[in-house]
C-alpha atoms as a PDB file:
ATOM      1  CA  UNK A   1       0.044   0.202  -0.205  1.00  0.00           C
ATOM      2  CA  UNK A   2       1.574   3.449  -1.173  1.00  0.00           C
ATOM      3  CA  UNK A   3       1.705   5.791   2.352  1.00  0.00           C
ATOM      4  CA  UNK A   4      -0.066   8.786   0.318  1.00  0.00           C
ATOM      5  CA  UNK A   5      -2.993   6.340  -0.226  1.00  0.00           C
ATOM      6  CA  UNK A   6      -3.003   5.238   3.909  1.00  0.00           C
ATOM      7  CA  UNK A   7      -2.742   9.026   4.930  1.00  0.00           C
ATOM      8  CA  UNK A   8      -5.672   9.649   2.479  1.00  0.00           C
ATOM      9  CA  UNK A   9      -7.799   7.060   3.309  1.00  0.00           C
ATOM     10  CA  UNK A  10      -7.143   7.345   7.468  1.00  0.00           C
ATOM     11  CA  UNK A  11      -7.675  11.280   7.684  1.00  0.00           C
ATOM     12  CA  UNK A  12     -11.252  11.462   7.094  1.00  0.00           C
ATOM     13  CA  UNK A  13     -12.039   8.843  10.287  1.00  0.00           C
ATOM     14  CA  UNK A  14     -10.094  11.119  12.661  1.00  0.00           C
ATOM     15  CA  UNK A  15     -12.097  14.154  10.925  1.00  0.00           C
ATOM     16  CA  UNK A  16     -14.781  12.653  13.339  1.00  0.00           C
ATOM     17  CA  UNK A  17     -13.241  13.477  16.102  1.00  0.00           C
ATOM     18  CA  UNK A  18     -10.638  16.475  15.491  1.00  0.00           C
ATOM     19  CA  UNK A  19     -10.411  19.190  13.176  1.00  0.00           C
ATOM     20  CA  UNK A  20      -9.415  18.200   9.818  1.00  0.00           C
ATOM     21  CA  UNK A  21      -5.448  19.827  10.408  1.00  0.00           C
ATOM     22  CA  UNK A  22      -5.175  17.766  13.766  1.00  0.00           C
ATOM     23  CA  UNK A  23      -6.452  15.045  12.578  1.00  0.00           C
ATOM     24  CA  UNK A  24      -3.719  15.082   9.576  1.00  0.00           C
ATOM     25  CA  UNK A  25      -1.612  15.411  11.844  1.00  0.00           C
ATOM     26  CA  UNK A  26      -1.762  12.532  14.397  1.00  0.00           C
ATOM     27  CA  UNK A  27      -1.888  10.636  10.954  1.00  0.00           C
ATOM     28  CA  UNK A  28       1.653  11.766   9.604  1.00  0.00           C
ATOM     29  CA  UNK A  29       2.467  11.173  13.517  1.00  0.00           C
ATOM     30  CA  UNK A  30       1.697   7.440  13.516  1.00  0.00           C
ATOM     31  CA  UNK A  31       3.973   7.017  10.504  1.00  0.00           C
ATOM     32  CA  UNK A  32       6.647   8.990  11.205  1.00  0.00           C
ATOM     33  CA  UNK A  33       6.845   7.025  14.651  1.00  0.00           C
ATOM     34  CA  UNK A  34       5.956   3.385  12.934  1.00  0.00           C
ATOM     35  CA  UNK A  35       7.849   3.872  10.112  1.00  0.00           C
ATOM     36  CA  UNK A  36      11.082   5.991  10.364  1.00  0.00           C
ATOM     37  CA  UNK A  37       9.675   8.515   7.566  1.00  0.00           C
ATOM     38  CA  UNK A  38       9.215  12.148   7.703  1.00  0.00           C
ATOM     39  CA  UNK A  39       6.280  14.052   7.543  1.00  0.00           C
ATOM     40  CA  UNK A  40       6.247  14.755   3.585  1.00  0.00           C
ATOM     41  CA  UNK A  41       7.773  11.936   2.537  1.00  0.00           C
ATOM     42  CA  UNK A  42       4.131  10.754   0.406  1.00  0.00           C
ATOM     43  CA  UNK A  43       4.766  14.443  -0.922  1.00  0.00           C
ATOM     44  CA  UNK A  44       8.391  13.869  -2.124  1.00  0.00           C
ATOM     45  CA  UNK A  45       7.939  10.401  -2.899  1.00  0.00           C
ATOM     46  CA  UNK A  46       4.591   9.335  -3.731  1.00  0.00           C
ATOM     47  CA  UNK A  47       5.172   5.854  -4.917  1.00  0.00           C
ATOM     48  CA  UNK A  48       6.915   5.359  -1.346  1.00  0.00           C
ATOM     49  CA  UNK A  49       5.473   1.822  -0.277  1.00  0.00           C
ATOM     50  CA  UNK A  50       4.570   0.985   3.267  1.00  0.00           C
ATOM     51  CA  UNK A  51       6.359  -2.375   4.214  1.00  0.00           C
ATOM     52  CA  UNK A  52       3.981  -5.273   4.036  1.00  0.00           C
ATOM     53  CA  UNK A  53       5.126  -6.133   7.254  1.00  0.00           C
ATOM     54  CA  UNK A  54       4.671  -2.823   9.447  1.00  0.00           C
ATOM     55  CA  UNK A  55       1.015  -2.398   8.449  1.00  0.00           C
ATOM     56  CA  UNK A  56      -0.697  -4.304  10.665  1.00  0.00           C
ATOM     57  CA  UNK A  57       1.120  -1.915  13.180  1.00  0.00           C
ATOM     58  CA  UNK A  58      -0.255   0.904  11.219  1.00  0.00           C
ATOM     59  CA  UNK A  59      -3.974   0.044  10.993  1.00  0.00           C
ATOM     60  CA  UNK A  60      -4.391  -0.995  14.805  1.00  0.00           C
ATOM     61  CA  UNK A  61      -2.712   2.631  15.453  1.00  0.00           C
ATOM     62  CA  UNK A  62      -5.082   3.920  13.457  1.00  0.00           C
ATOM     63  CA  UNK A  63      -7.741   1.639  14.941  1.00  0.00           C
ATOM     64  CA  UNK A  64      -6.710   3.347  18.435  1.00  0.00           C
ATOM     65  CA  UNK A  65      -6.590   6.976  17.581  1.00  0.00           C
ATOM     66  CA  UNK A  66     -10.026   6.389  15.895  1.00  0.00           C
ATOM     67  CA  UNK A  67     -11.116   5.190  19.049  1.00  0.00           C
ATOM     68  CA  UNK A  68     -10.415   8.507  20.661  1.00  0.00           C
ATOM     69  CA  UNK A  69      -7.382   7.387  22.613  1.00  0.00           C
ATOM     70  CA  UNK A  70      -4.562   9.865  22.483  1.00  0.00           C
ATOM     71  CA  UNK A  71      -1.827   9.881  20.377  1.00  0.00           C
ATOM     72  CA  UNK A  72       0.845   9.947  23.359  1.00  0.00           C
ATOM     73  CA  UNK A  73      -0.597   6.493  24.750  1.00  0.00           C
ATOM     74  CA  UNK A  74      -0.804   4.992  21.309  1.00  0.00           C
ATOM     75  CA  UNK A  75       3.092   5.602  20.407  1.00  0.00           C
ATOM     76  CA  UNK A  76       3.995   5.208  24.375  1.00  0.00           C
ATOM     77  CA  UNK A  77       5.288   8.490  25.111  1.00  0.00           C
ATOM     78  CA  UNK A  78       5.267  11.896  25.136  1.00  0.00           C
ATOM     79  CA  UNK A  79       7.743  14.746  24.915  1.00  0.00           C
ATOM     80  CA  UNK A  80       8.587  16.498  28.408  1.00  0.00           C
ATOM     81  CA  UNK A  81      11.051  19.014  29.102  1.00  0.00           C
ATOM     82  CA  UNK A  82      13.226  18.180  26.029  1.00  0.00           C
ATOM     83  CA  UNK A  83      13.303  14.362  26.860  1.00  0.00           C
ATOM     84  CA  UNK A  84      10.862  11.473  26.081  1.00  0.00           C
ATOM     85  CA  UNK A  85       8.160   9.533  28.967  1.00  0.00           C
ATOM     86  CA  UNK A  86       6.919   6.529  28.668  1.00  0.00           C
ATOM     87  CA  UNK A  87       3.094   7.031  29.290  1.00  0.00           C
ATOM     88  CA  UNK A  88       0.798   4.659  29.252  1.00  0.00           C
ATOM     89  CA  UNK A  89      -3.246   4.260  30.621  1.00  0.00           C
ATOM     90  CA  UNK A  90      -2.491   4.136  33.818  1.00  0.00           C
ATOM     91  CA  UNK A  91      -0.799   8.367  34.309  1.00  0.00           C
ATOM     92  CA  UNK A  92      -1.458  10.909  33.291  1.00  0.00           C
ATOM     93  CA  UNK A  93      -0.189  12.765  29.763  1.00  0.00           C
ATOM     94  CA  UNK A  94       2.000  15.745  31.018  1.00  0.00           C
ATOM     95  CA  UNK A  95       1.127  19.455  29.655  1.00  0.00           C
ATOM     96  CA  UNK A  96       3.109  21.603  28.695  1.00  0.00           C
ATOM     97  CA  UNK A  97       2.528  23.858  31.223  1.00  0.00           C
ATOM     98  CA  UNK A  98       3.537  21.418  33.868  1.00  0.00           C
ATOM     99  CA  UNK A  99       7.066  22.210  32.705  1.00  0.00           C
ATOM    100  CA  UNK A 100       7.324  25.605  34.054  1.00  0.00           C
ATOM    101  CA  UNK A 101       7.154  24.001  36.939  1.00  0.00           C
ATOM    102  CA  UNK A 102      10.095  21.957  36.464  1.00  0.00           C
ATOM    103  CA  UNK A 103      12.113  25.242  35.289  1.00  0.00           C
ATOM    104  CA  UNK A 104      10.382  27.222  38.661  1.00  0.00           C
ATOM    105  CA  UNK A 105      12.044  24.360  41.221  1.00  0.00           C
ATOM    106  CA  UNK A 106      14.957  23.968  38.800  1.00  0.00           C
ATOM    107  CA  UNK A 107      15.636  28.237  38.744  1.00  0.00           C
ATOM    108  CA  UNK A 108      15.420  28.009  42.885  1.00  0.00           C
ATOM    109  CA  UNK A 109      17.534  24.816  43.368  1.00  0.00           C
ATOM    110  CA  UNK A 110      20.176  26.623  41.597  1.00  0.00           C
ATOM    111  CA  UNK A 111      19.821  29.508  43.602  1.00  0.00           C
ATOM    112  CA  UNK A 112      20.629  27.525  46.618  1.00  0.00           C
ATOM    113  CA  UNK A 113      23.793  26.669  45.853  1.00  0.00           C
ATOM    114  CA  UNK A 114      23.802  22.635  47.513  1.00  0.00           C
ATOM    115  CA  UNK A 115      22.477  19.736  47.817  1.00  0.00           C
ATOM    116  CA  UNK A 116      19.307  20.053  48.667  1.00  0.00           C
ATOM    117  CA  UNK A 117      16.229  17.566  49.124  1.00  0.00           C
ATOM    118  CA  UNK A 118      13.228  17.123  47.110  1.00  0.00           C
ATOM    119  CA  UNK A 119       9.739  15.720  47.239  1.00  0.00           C
ATOM    120  CA  UNK A 120       7.177  15.389  44.699  1.00  0.00           C
ATOM    121  CA  UNK A 121       3.521  14.402  45.410  1.00  0.00           C
ATOM    122  CA  UNK A 122       1.750  12.833  43.038  1.00  0.00           C
ATOM    123  CA  UNK A 123       4.442  12.424  40.728  1.00  0.00           C
ATOM    124  CA  UNK A 124       2.331   9.718  38.384  1.00  0.00           C
ATOM    125  CA  UNK A 125       4.835   8.676  35.078  1.00  0.00           C
ATOM    126  CA  UNK A 126       7.465  10.910  36.632  1.00  0.00           C
ATOM    127  CA  UNK A 127       8.075  13.677  34.911  1.00  0.00           C
ATOM    128  CA  UNK A 128       8.460  16.198  37.282  1.00  0.00           C
ATOM    129  CA  UNK A 129      10.590  14.014  39.396  1.00  0.00           C
ATOM    130  CA  UNK A 130      13.171  12.891  36.934  1.00  0.00           C
ATOM    131  CA  UNK A 131      12.640  16.059  35.507  1.00  0.00           C
ATOM    132  CA  UNK A 132      14.229  17.614  39.033  1.00  0.00           C
ATOM    133  CA  UNK A 133      16.808  15.090  39.620  1.00  0.00           C
ATOM    134  CA  UNK A 134      18.629  15.395  36.127  1.00  0.00           C
ATOM    135  CA  UNK A 135      18.303  18.821  35.415  1.00  0.00           C
ATOM    136  CA  UNK A 136      19.906  19.239  39.325  1.00  0.00           C
ATOM    137  CA  UNK A 137      22.799  17.355  39.456  1.00  0.00           C
ATOM    138  CA  UNK A 138      23.372  15.664  43.281  1.00  0.00           C
ATOM    139  CA  UNK A 139      19.889  17.126  44.535  1.00  0.00           C
ATOM    140  CA  UNK A 140      17.922  13.789  45.951  1.00  0.00           C
ATOM    141  CA  UNK A 141      14.560  13.442  44.837  1.00  0.00           C
ATOM    142  CA  UNK A 142      11.354  10.810  46.549  1.00  0.00           C
ATOM    143  CA  UNK A 143       8.427  10.908  44.714  1.00  0.00           C
ATOM    144  CA  UNK A 144       5.004   9.240  45.866  1.00  0.00           C
ATOM    145  CA  UNK A 145       1.817   8.473  44.252  1.00  0.00           C
ATOM    146  CA  UNK A 146      -0.559   6.230  45.481  1.00  0.00           C
ATOM    147  CA  UNK A 147      -1.070   4.329  42.237  1.00  0.00           C
ATOM    148  CA  UNK A 148       1.122   1.591  42.424  1.00  0.00           C
ATOM    149  CA  UNK A 149       0.504   1.001  38.523  1.00  0.00           C
ATOM    150  CA  UNK A 150       1.724   4.396  38.248  1.00  0.00           C
ATOM    151  CA  UNK A 151       5.128   4.139  39.834  1.00  0.00           C
ATOM    152  CA  UNK A 152       6.062   1.270  38.226  1.00  0.00           C
ATOM    153  CA  UNK A 153       5.685   2.937  35.208  1.00  0.00           C
ATOM    154  CA  UNK A 154       7.518   6.353  37.059  1.00  0.00           C
ATOM    155  CA  UNK A 155      10.556   3.917  38.095  1.00  0.00           C
ATOM    156  CA  UNK A 156      11.072   2.165  34.774  1.00  0.00           C
ATOM    157  CA  UNK A 157      11.848   5.822  32.964  1.00  0.00           C
ATOM    158  CA  UNK A 158      15.537   6.387  32.023  1.00  0.00           C
ATOM    159  CA  UNK A 159      16.343   2.532  33.050  1.00  0.00           C
ATOM    160  CA  UNK A 160      19.979   3.450  31.529  1.00  0.00           C
ATOM    161  CA  UNK A 161      20.229   6.047  34.822  1.00  0.00           C
ATOM    162  CA  UNK A 162      17.473   4.461  37.021  1.00  0.00           C
ATOM    163  CA  UNK A 163      20.228   2.592  39.614  1.00  0.00           C
ATOM    164  CA  UNK A 164      22.309   6.205  39.306  1.00  0.00           C
ATOM    165  CA  UNK A 165      22.901   8.528  42.518  1.00  0.00           C
ATOM    166  CA  UNK A 166      20.417  10.966  40.719  1.00  0.00           C
ATOM    167  CA  UNK A 167      17.918   8.981  40.484  1.00  0.00           C
ATOM    168  CA  UNK A 168      14.344   9.589  42.095  1.00  0.00           C
ATOM    169  CA  UNK A 169      12.825   6.733  45.097  1.00  0.00           C
ATOM    170  CA  UNK A 170       9.785   6.333  44.272  1.00  0.00           C
ATOM    171  CA  UNK A 171       7.140   5.443  47.192  1.00  0.00           C
ATOM    172  CA  UNK A 172       3.288   4.526  47.719  1.00  0.00           C
ATOM    173  CA  UNK A 173       2.112   6.692  49.781  1.00  0.00           C
ATOM    174  CA  UNK A 174      -1.668   8.578  50.283  1.00  0.00           C
ATOM    175  CA  UNK A 175      -1.448  12.151  50.561  1.00  0.00           C
ATOM    176  CA  UNK A 176      -5.021  12.422  51.787  1.00  0.00           C
ATOM    177  CA  UNK A 177      -3.813  10.161  54.031  1.00  0.00           C
ATOM    178  CA  UNK A 178      -0.952  12.273  54.958  1.00  0.00           C
ATOM    179  CA  UNK A 179       2.159  10.770  53.153  1.00  0.00           C
ATOM    180  CA  UNK A 180       2.469   8.808  56.372  1.00  0.00           C
ATOM    181  CA  UNK A 181       5.242   6.572  54.511  1.00  0.00           C
ATOM    182  CA  UNK A 182       7.752   9.314  53.801  1.00  0.00           C
ATOM    183  CA  UNK A 183       9.859  11.040  56.314  1.00  0.00           C
ATOM    184  CA  UNK A 184      12.439  13.536  56.298  1.00  0.00           C
ATOM    185  CA  UNK A 185      13.130  17.442  56.321  1.00  0.00           C
ATOM    186  CA  UNK A 186      13.100  18.564  52.622  1.00  0.00           C
ATOM    187  CA  UNK A 187      13.839  22.011  51.113  1.00  0.00           C
ATOM    188  CA  UNK A 188      11.560  21.631  47.940  1.00  0.00           C
ATOM    189  CA  UNK A 189       7.766  20.698  47.799  1.00  0.00           C
ATOM    190  CA  UNK A 190       6.137  20.001  44.566  1.00  0.00           C
ATOM    191  CA  UNK A 191       3.504  18.897  43.133  1.00  0.00           C
ATOM    192  CA  UNK A 192       0.612  18.673  40.582  1.00  0.00           C
ATOM    193  CA  UNK A 193      -2.239  17.215  41.972  1.00  0.00           C
ATOM    194  CA  UNK A 194      -5.801  16.101  40.943  1.00  0.00           C
ATOM    195  CA  UNK A 195      -7.612  19.756  40.777  1.00  0.00           C
ATOM    196  CA  UNK A 196      -9.969  19.418  37.962  1.00  0.00           C
ATOM    197  CA  UNK A 197     -13.706  20.028  39.230  1.00  0.00           C
ATOM    198  CA  UNK A 198     -16.553  17.325  38.249  1.00  0.00           C
ATOM    199  CA  UNK A 199     -18.432  20.110  36.713  1.00  0.00           C
ATOM    200  CA  UNK A 200     -15.937  20.693  34.361  1.00  0.00           C
ATOM    201  CA  UNK A 201     -15.994  17.530  32.278  1.00  0.00           C
ATOM    202  CA  UNK A 202     -18.698  19.519  30.022  1.00  0.00           C
ATOM    203  CA  UNK A 203     -15.226  21.471  28.482  1.00  0.00           C
ATOM    204  CA  UNK A 204     -12.880  18.938  27.931  1.00  0.00           C
ATOM    205  CA  UNK A 205     -12.305  16.538  25.344  1.00  0.00           C
ATOM    206  CA  UNK A 206     -13.487  12.889  25.531  1.00  0.00           C
ATOM    207  CA  UNK A 207      -9.971  11.430  24.123  1.00  0.00           C
ATOM    208  CA  UNK A 208      -9.159  12.979  27.798  1.00  0.00           C
ATOM    209  CA  UNK A 209     -12.243  12.223  29.939  1.00  0.00           C
ATOM    210  CA  UNK A 210     -12.499   8.435  28.081  1.00  0.00           C
ATOM    211  CA  UNK A 211      -8.643   7.372  28.443  1.00  0.00           C
ATOM    212  CA  UNK A 212      -6.982   9.377  31.003  1.00  0.00           C
ATOM    213  CA  UNK A 213      -7.173   8.128  34.638  1.00  0.00           C
ATOM    214  CA  UNK A 214      -9.994  10.072  36.231  1.00  0.00           C
ATOM    215  CA  UNK A 215      -8.311   9.478  39.791  1.00  0.00           C
ATOM    216  CA  UNK A 216      -5.449  11.754  38.573  1.00  0.00           C
ATOM    217  CA  UNK A 217      -7.890  14.406  37.384  1.00  0.00           C
ATOM    218  CA  UNK A 218     -11.541  15.212  38.937  1.00  0.00           C
ATOM    219  CA  UNK A 219     -12.189  16.560  42.585  1.00  0.00           C
ATOM    220  CA  UNK A 220     -15.477  16.790  43.687  1.00  0.00           C
ATOM    221  CA  UNK A 221     -17.183  19.985  42.986  1.00  0.00           C
ATOM    222  CA  UNK A 222     -18.456  21.157  46.881  1.00  0.00           C
ATOM    223  CA  UNK A 223     -14.424  20.204  48.278  1.00  0.00           C
ATOM    224  CA  UNK A 224     -12.041  21.441  45.066  1.00  0.00           C
ATOM    225  CA  UNK A 225      -9.035  22.390  47.272  1.00  0.00           C
ATOM    226  CA  UNK A 226      -9.176  18.964  49.189  1.00  0.00           C
ATOM    227  CA  UNK A 227      -5.469  18.138  47.987  1.00  0.00           C
ATOM    228  CA  UNK A 228      -4.228  21.753  48.835  1.00  0.00           C
ATOM    229  CA  UNK A 229      -5.312  21.179  52.480  1.00  0.00           C
ATOM    230  CA  UNK A 230      -3.403  18.146  52.516  1.00  0.00           C
ATOM    231  CA  UNK A 231      -0.459  19.088  50.492  1.00  0.00           C
ATOM    232  CA  UNK A 232      -0.379  22.056  53.656  1.00  0.00           C
ATOM    233  CA  UNK A 233      -0.960  19.607  56.160  1.00  0.00           C
ATOM    234  CA  UNK A 234       1.816  17.801  54.750  1.00  0.00           C
ATOM    235  CA  UNK A 235       3.967  20.368  54.731  1.00  0.00           C
ATOM    236  CA  UNK A 236       4.448  21.725  57.875  1.00  0.00           C
ATOM    237  CA  UNK A 237       5.607  18.032  58.653  1.00  0.00           C
ATOM    238  CA  UNK A 238       7.841  17.547  55.794  1.00  0.00           C
ATOM    239  CA  UNK A 239       9.196  20.603  54.554  1.00  0.00           C
ATOM    240  CA  UNK A 240      11.477  22.235  56.508  1.00  0.00           C
ATOM    241  CA  UNK A 241      10.966  25.894  57.469  1.00  0.00           C
ATOM    242  CA  UNK A 242      13.174  27.723  55.323  1.00  0.00           C
ATOM    243  CA  UNK A 243      12.128  25.578  52.687  1.00  0.00           C
ATOM    244  CA  UNK A 244       9.512  26.280  49.336  1.00  0.00           C
ATOM    245  CA  UNK A 245       6.512  24.625  47.850  1.00  0.00           C
ATOM    246  CA  UNK A 246       5.141  25.096  44.379  1.00  0.00           C
ATOM    247  CA  UNK A 247       2.000  23.285  43.518  1.00  0.00           C
ATOM    248  CA  UNK A 248       0.104  23.608  40.172  1.00  0.00           C
ATOM    249  CA  UNK A 249      -3.403  24.900  40.567  1.00  0.00           C
ATOM    250  CA  UNK A 250      -6.780  24.758  38.537  1.00  0.00           C
ATOM    251  CA  UNK A 251      -6.751  28.664  36.829  1.00  0.00           C
ATOM    252  CA  UNK A 252     -10.198  29.240  38.153  1.00  0.00           C
ATOM    253  CA  UNK A 253      -9.167  28.940  41.925  1.00  0.00           C
ATOM    254  CA  UNK A 254      -5.917  30.758  42.492  1.00  0.00           C
ATOM    255  CA  UNK A 255      -6.709  33.217  44.975  1.00  0.00           C
ATOM    256  CA  UNK A 256      -8.455  30.236  46.725  1.00  0.00           C
ATOM    257  CA  UNK A 257      -5.446  28.043  46.853  1.00  0.00           C
ATOM    258  CA  UNK A 258      -3.346  30.193  47.669  1.00  0.00           C
ATOM    259  CA  UNK A 259      -5.283  31.268  50.830  1.00  0.00           C
ATOM    260  CA  UNK A 260      -5.019  27.478  51.826  1.00  0.00           C
ATOM    261  CA  UNK A 261      -1.017  27.606  52.223  1.00  0.00           C
ATOM    262  CA  UNK A 262      -1.367  31.155  53.884  1.00  0.00           C
ATOM    263  CA  UNK A 263      -4.112  29.576  56.421  1.00  0.00           C
ATOM    264  CA  UNK A 264      -1.469  27.189  57.158  1.00  0.00           C
ATOM    265  CA  UNK A 265       0.596  29.669  58.332  1.00  0.00           C
ATOM    266  CA  UNK A 266       3.230  30.479  55.410  1.00  0.00           C
ATOM    267  CA  UNK A 267       3.665  34.415  55.236  1.00  0.00           C
ATOM    268  CA  UNK A 268       4.986  34.214  51.595  1.00  0.00           C
ATOM    269  CA  UNK A 269       2.262  32.780  48.792  1.00  0.00           C
ATOM    270  CA  UNK A 270       2.585  33.591  45.536  1.00  0.00           C
ATOM    271  CA  UNK A 271       0.305  33.164  42.376  1.00  0.00           C
ATOM    272  CA  UNK A 272       2.194  32.110  38.588  1.00  0.00           C
ATOM    273  CA  UNK A 273       0.471  32.472  35.658  1.00  0.00           C
ATOM    274  CA  UNK A 274       1.386  29.648  32.879  1.00  0.00           C
ATOM    275  CA  UNK A 275       2.549  30.233  29.223  1.00  0.00           C
ATOM    276  CA  UNK A 276      -0.829  30.746  28.040  1.00  0.00           C
ATOM    277  CA  UNK A 277      -1.819  33.626  30.655  1.00  0.00           C
ATOM    278  CA  UNK A 278      -3.403  31.690  33.283  1.00  0.00           C
ATOM    279  CA  UNK A 279      -3.664  31.349  36.850  1.00  0.00           C
ATOM    280  CA  UNK A 280      -1.279  27.748  37.552  1.00  0.00           C
ATOM    281  CA  UNK A 281       0.695  27.234  40.278  1.00  0.00           C
ATOM    282  CA  UNK A 282       0.753  28.765  43.616  1.00  0.00           C
ATOM    283  CA  UNK A 283       4.937  29.079  45.320  1.00  0.00           C
ATOM    284  CA  UNK A 284       4.931  29.490  48.761  1.00  0.00           C
ATOM    285  CA  UNK A 285       7.613  29.944  51.877  1.00  0.00           C
ATOM    286  CA  UNK A 286       8.744  31.107  55.003  1.00  0.00           C
ATOM    287  CA  UNK A 287       6.408  29.598  57.333  1.00  0.00           C
ATOM    288  CA  UNK A 288       5.577  31.251  60.841  1.00  0.00           C
END
């Protein structure tokens, strides 16, 4: 089968779910990954034949995309902070905005000028923990999640360095239960906890609702800040009095989230905006 023919026949199936340019882009991404071709190969080589052995895999990938499965799950990875991270249905797909949390963390660690201890709660794929560990040599990172399948995937990232001194330590621990499995005194606390309210589902795409883990996304409408109260409580036990916390937040609840940490006794709280100009992070420090 010609590559150009496969692309032409595949795009309409995805146009039922996505705008035409996005549908075409997804088909091209699948072909690039599975065949090792370029996005323009079908144009410059109109007679390019798909190897017979590769066709079943391509068709299987298209079936998954047509069912609404995110391209990142189909490919098995996503790009985050300049690195490839494994992803699957047990973890959220890292978003570009979360990369800003990593950037802020690395700036703080560089300013410390000494080996630091970092705690990453609700780690999911481990993208924050690994990005910090690999981006700040000498740092010690402990990362926790309630999901064993998520932790198994997180541990498997970057297996070539997984036994190295800078590899994060992954722990199964429940934030809402107080993270009792974790002890120590940390210089930096990071977290991207669940924060999407149930009522916000109506504005979300089906590929997210049907395929990404709801346990990592949603909170009750009547108690949307429960994870931040838990983070504030845990921070009082695990974060050094001179330490800093940075948490990702719901854009609609910036002041309310900051108030949780102020109530816990932090004298400095700051709402940081993401690349789209939305309230996306709260930074807190200077505990009374």
